[in-house]
C-alpha cells in the first residue's frame, strides 16, 4: 500500500518549485509539438497521411497538390484542410 509524504515549503521555495515545474512542462510541450510536426506548414507523405487521418491509398486517391523541391515531395497542411473541408 502506498504511503503519502507531505513536504512543507516556505513561500519562496514553493514559488521556485512552481517556476521550475512550469518551465519543464512548457519545454516538454514545445518539444512534443516540434517532434509531432505541429508547427510545420509542409509535411512529407507519411506525415500528411497521418495528419489527414486516412489510409495511404485514400490519401493518394484525393489528389492533393504536391510541392516538389530538390526531389523532395511536400504536402501543404492548408491544402489538406481545404480539401477535407470542401468534401
N, C-alpha and C. Protein backbone atom coordinates (compact mmCIF):
# COMPACT_ATOMS: atom_id res chain seq x y z
N UNK A 1 0.84 -1.17 0.00
CA UNK A 1 0.00 0.00 0.00
C UNK A 1 0.90 1.24 0.00
N UNK A 2 0.58 2.22 -0.84
CA UNK A 2 1.39 3.42 -0.95
C UNK A 2 1.14 4.34 0.23
N UNK A 3 2.20 4.96 0.69
CA UNK A 3 2.09 5.93 1.78
C UNK A 3 2.32 7.31 1.20
N UNK A 4 1.61 8.29 1.72
CA UNK A 4 1.80 9.65 1.23
C UNK A 4 2.86 10.36 2.04
N UNK A 5 3.50 11.31 1.40
CA UNK A 5 4.54 12.11 2.04
C UNK A 5 4.13 13.56 1.90
N UNK A 6 4.22 14.29 2.99
CA UNK A 6 3.94 15.73 2.95
C UNK A 6 5.25 16.49 3.04
N UNK A 7 5.36 17.50 2.20
CA UNK A 7 6.54 18.36 2.21
C UNK A 7 6.07 19.78 2.44
N UNK A 8 6.65 20.41 3.41
CA UNK A 8 6.29 21.80 3.72
C UNK A 8 7.39 22.71 3.16
N UNK A 9 6.99 23.64 2.31
CA UNK A 9 7.95 24.58 1.72
C UNK A 9 7.57 26.00 2.12
N UNK A 10 8.58 26.83 2.28
CA UNK A 10 8.26 28.23 2.53
C UNK A 10 7.80 28.85 1.21
N UNK A 11 7.29 30.04 1.26
CA UNK A 11 6.69 30.67 0.07
C UNK A 11 7.70 30.81 -1.07
N UNK A 12 8.92 31.22 -0.75
CA UNK A 12 9.95 31.39 -1.78
C UNK A 12 10.25 30.07 -2.48
N UNK A 13 10.48 29.01 -1.70
CA UNK A 13 10.79 27.71 -2.28
C UNK A 13 9.61 27.16 -3.07
N UNK A 14 8.41 27.39 -2.57
CA UNK A 14 7.20 26.95 -3.28
C UNK A 14 7.10 27.64 -4.64
N UNK A 15 7.36 28.94 -4.67
CA UNK A 15 7.32 29.69 -5.93
C UNK A 15 8.41 29.22 -6.88
N UNK A 16 9.59 28.95 -6.37
CA UNK A 16 10.69 28.47 -7.21
C UNK A 16 10.36 27.10 -7.80
N UNK A 17 9.79 26.22 -6.97
CA UNK A 17 9.40 24.90 -7.46
C UNK A 17 8.33 25.03 -8.53
N UNK A 18 7.38 25.90 -8.31
CA UNK A 18 6.30 26.13 -9.28
C UNK A 18 6.90 26.62 -10.61
N UNK A 19 7.86 27.55 -10.55
CA UNK A 19 8.50 28.06 -11.77
C UNK A 19 9.25 26.95 -12.50
N UNK A 20 9.95 26.11 -11.75
CA UNK A 20 10.70 25.02 -12.37
C UNK A 20 9.77 24.03 -13.05
N UNK A 21 8.69 23.67 -12.38
CA UNK A 21 7.73 22.74 -12.96
C UNK A 21 7.11 23.36 -14.22
N UNK A 22 6.76 24.63 -14.16
CA UNK A 22 6.19 25.32 -15.32
C UNK A 22 7.16 25.30 -16.49
N UNK A 23 8.42 25.59 -16.23
CA UNK A 23 9.45 25.61 -17.28
C UNK A 23 9.61 24.22 -17.89
N UNK A 24 9.67 23.20 -17.05
CA UNK A 24 9.83 21.83 -17.54
C UNK A 24 8.64 21.43 -18.41
N UNK A 25 7.44 21.70 -17.93
CA UNK A 25 6.24 21.33 -18.67
C UNK A 25 6.16 22.09 -19.99
N UNK A 26 6.43 23.39 -19.96
CA UNK A 26 6.40 24.21 -21.16
C UNK A 26 7.41 23.72 -22.19
N UNK A 27 8.61 23.42 -21.75
CA UNK A 27 9.65 22.93 -22.65
C UNK A 27 9.26 21.58 -23.26
N UNK A 28 8.68 20.70 -22.46
CA UNK A 28 8.29 19.39 -22.97
C UNK A 28 7.12 19.48 -23.94
N UNK A 29 6.19 20.38 -23.69
CA UNK A 29 5.09 20.59 -24.63
C UNK A 29 5.64 21.11 -25.96
N UNK A 30 6.54 22.05 -25.89
CA UNK A 30 7.14 22.60 -27.10
C UNK A 30 7.92 21.52 -27.87
N UNK A 31 8.64 20.68 -27.13
CA UNK A 31 9.39 19.59 -27.76
C UNK A 31 8.43 18.59 -28.42
N UNK A 32 7.34 18.27 -27.74
CA UNK A 32 6.36 17.35 -28.30
C UNK A 32 5.72 17.93 -29.56
N UNK A 33 5.41 19.22 -29.54
CA UNK A 33 4.85 19.87 -30.72
C UNK A 33 5.84 19.81 -31.88
N UNK A 34 7.10 20.08 -31.60
CA UNK A 34 8.13 20.05 -32.64
C UNK A 34 8.30 18.63 -33.17
N UNK A 35 8.36 17.65 -32.26
CA UNK A 35 8.53 16.25 -32.67
C UNK A 35 7.34 15.76 -33.48
N UNK A 36 6.15 16.24 -33.16
CA UNK A 36 4.94 15.83 -33.87
C UNK A 36 4.73 16.63 -35.15
N UNK A 37 5.54 17.65 -35.35
CA UNK A 37 5.42 18.45 -36.57
C UNK A 37 4.23 19.39 -36.57
N UNK A 38 3.71 19.73 -35.40
CA UNK A 38 2.53 20.59 -35.34
C UNK A 38 2.79 21.99 -35.87
N UNK A 39 4.03 22.43 -35.79
CA UNK A 39 4.36 23.77 -36.26
C UNK A 39 4.79 23.80 -37.72
N UNK A 40 4.89 22.63 -38.35
CA UNK A 40 5.31 22.57 -39.74
C UNK A 40 4.15 22.93 -40.65
N UNK A 41 4.45 23.72 -41.66
CA UNK A 41 3.45 24.10 -42.66
C UNK A 41 3.35 23.06 -43.76
N UNK A 42 4.47 22.39 -44.03
CA UNK A 42 4.53 21.38 -45.09
C UNK A 42 4.96 20.05 -44.49
N UNK A 43 4.38 18.97 -45.01
CA UNK A 43 4.62 17.64 -44.47
C UNK A 43 5.09 16.69 -45.57
N UNK A 44 5.86 15.70 -45.17
CA UNK A 44 6.19 14.61 -46.08
C UNK A 44 4.97 13.69 -46.14
N UNK A 45 4.95 12.80 -47.11
CA UNK A 45 3.77 11.97 -47.39
C UNK A 45 3.26 11.24 -46.15
N UNK A 46 4.16 10.55 -45.45
CA UNK A 46 3.77 9.77 -44.27
C UNK A 46 3.09 10.66 -43.24
N UNK A 47 3.65 11.83 -43.00
CA UNK A 47 3.07 12.75 -42.01
C UNK A 47 1.77 13.37 -42.52
N UNK A 48 1.69 13.59 -43.83
CA UNK A 48 0.46 14.15 -44.41
C UNK A 48 -0.69 13.15 -44.27
N UNK A 49 -0.40 11.88 -44.48
CA UNK A 49 -1.42 10.84 -44.32
C UNK A 49 -1.88 10.77 -42.87
N UNK A 50 -0.92 10.83 -41.96
CA UNK A 50 -1.26 10.81 -40.53
C UNK A 50 -2.08 12.04 -40.17
N UNK A 51 -1.70 13.20 -40.68
CA UNK A 51 -2.41 14.45 -40.42
C UNK A 51 -3.86 14.36 -40.91
N UNK A 52 -4.05 13.77 -42.09
CA UNK A 52 -5.39 13.65 -42.67
C UNK A 52 -6.21 12.56 -41.98
N UNK A 53 -5.53 11.59 -41.37
CA UNK A 53 -6.22 10.54 -40.64
C UNK A 53 -6.86 9.49 -41.54
N UNK A 54 -6.23 9.24 -42.68
CA UNK A 54 -6.77 8.26 -43.63
C UNK A 54 -5.65 7.31 -44.05
N UNK A 55 -6.02 6.29 -44.82
CA UNK A 55 -5.01 5.36 -45.34
C UNK A 55 -4.24 6.03 -46.48
N UNK A 56 -3.10 5.44 -46.81
CA UNK A 56 -2.29 5.96 -47.90
C UNK A 56 -3.01 5.93 -49.24
N UNK A 57 -3.75 4.83 -49.50
CA UNK A 57 -4.45 4.74 -50.78
C UNK A 57 -5.58 5.77 -50.87
N UNK A 58 -6.27 6.01 -49.77
CA UNK A 58 -7.32 7.04 -49.77
C UNK A 58 -6.70 8.41 -50.01
N UNK A 59 -5.59 8.67 -49.34
CA UNK A 59 -4.92 9.97 -49.49
C UNK A 59 -4.48 10.16 -50.95
N UNK A 60 -3.90 9.14 -51.53
CA UNK A 60 -3.45 9.24 -52.92
C UNK A 60 -4.64 9.47 -53.86
N UNK A 61 -5.76 8.85 -53.58
CA UNK A 61 -6.97 8.99 -54.40
C UNK A 61 -7.49 10.44 -54.36
N UNK A 62 -7.26 11.13 -53.26
CA UNK A 62 -7.74 12.51 -53.13
C UNK A 62 -7.06 13.45 -54.12
N UNK A 63 -5.83 13.18 -54.50
CA UNK A 63 -5.14 14.03 -55.46
C UNK A 63 -4.78 15.40 -54.93
N UNK A 64 -4.38 15.47 -53.69
CA UNK A 64 -3.99 16.75 -53.09
C UNK A 64 -2.72 17.25 -53.78
N UNK A 65 -2.66 18.54 -54.09
CA UNK A 65 -1.47 19.09 -54.77
C UNK A 65 -0.18 18.81 -54.00
N UNK A 66 0.88 18.60 -54.75
CA UNK A 66 2.19 18.36 -54.15
C UNK A 66 3.13 19.50 -54.52
N UNK A 67 4.13 19.68 -53.70
CA UNK A 67 5.17 20.69 -53.94
C UNK A 67 6.50 19.95 -54.01
N UNK A 68 7.16 20.04 -55.16
CA UNK A 68 8.44 19.37 -55.37
C UNK A 68 9.57 20.38 -55.21
N UNK A 69 10.48 20.08 -54.30
CA UNK A 69 11.64 20.94 -54.09
C UNK A 69 12.87 20.05 -54.00
N UNK A 70 13.78 20.20 -54.95
CA UNK A 70 15.02 19.40 -54.96
C UNK A 70 14.75 17.91 -54.78
N UNK A 71 13.74 17.39 -55.46
CA UNK A 71 13.43 15.97 -55.39
C UNK A 71 12.66 15.54 -54.15
N UNK A 72 12.30 16.49 -53.29
CA UNK A 72 11.53 16.18 -52.09
C UNK A 72 10.08 16.58 -52.34
N UNK A 73 9.17 15.68 -52.05
CA UNK A 73 7.75 15.95 -52.23
C UNK A 73 7.15 16.36 -50.89
N UNK A 74 6.52 17.51 -50.89
CA UNK A 74 5.89 18.03 -49.67
C UNK A 74 4.42 18.33 -49.93
N UNK A 75 3.63 18.22 -48.87
CA UNK A 75 2.20 18.48 -48.92
C UNK A 75 1.87 19.59 -47.94
N UNK A 76 1.08 20.53 -48.36
CA UNK A 76 0.70 21.66 -47.53
C UNK A 76 -0.46 21.27 -46.61
N UNK A 77 -0.33 21.59 -45.33
CA UNK A 77 -1.43 21.36 -44.39
C UNK A 77 -2.67 22.13 -44.83
N UNK A 78 -2.46 23.33 -45.33
CA UNK A 78 -3.61 24.14 -45.78
C UNK A 78 -4.35 23.46 -46.91
N UNK A 79 -3.60 22.87 -47.86
CA UNK A 79 -4.24 22.15 -48.97
C UNK A 79 -5.04 20.96 -48.46
N UNK A 80 -4.48 20.25 -47.51
CA UNK A 80 -5.17 19.09 -46.95
C UNK A 80 -6.45 19.53 -46.23
N UNK A 81 -6.34 20.57 -45.42
CA UNK A 81 -7.51 21.07 -44.69
C UNK A 81 -8.58 21.58 -45.64
N UNK A 82 -8.16 22.31 -46.68
CA UNK A 82 -9.13 22.83 -47.68
C UNK A 82 -9.86 21.69 -48.35
N UNK A 83 -9.13 20.65 -48.74
CA UNK A 83 -9.74 19.51 -49.40
C UNK A 83 -10.78 18.85 -48.48
N UNK A 84 -10.39 18.60 -47.24
CA UNK A 84 -11.30 17.93 -46.31
C UNK A 84 -12.54 18.79 -46.06
N UNK A 85 -12.35 20.09 -45.87
CA UNK A 85 -13.49 20.98 -45.60
C UNK A 85 -14.43 21.11 -46.79
N UNK A 86 -13.91 20.94 -48.00
CA UNK A 86 -14.75 21.10 -49.18
C UNK A 86 -15.48 19.82 -49.57
N UNK A 87 -15.22 18.72 -48.89
CA UNK A 87 -15.85 17.44 -49.26
C UNK A 87 -16.69 16.89 -48.13
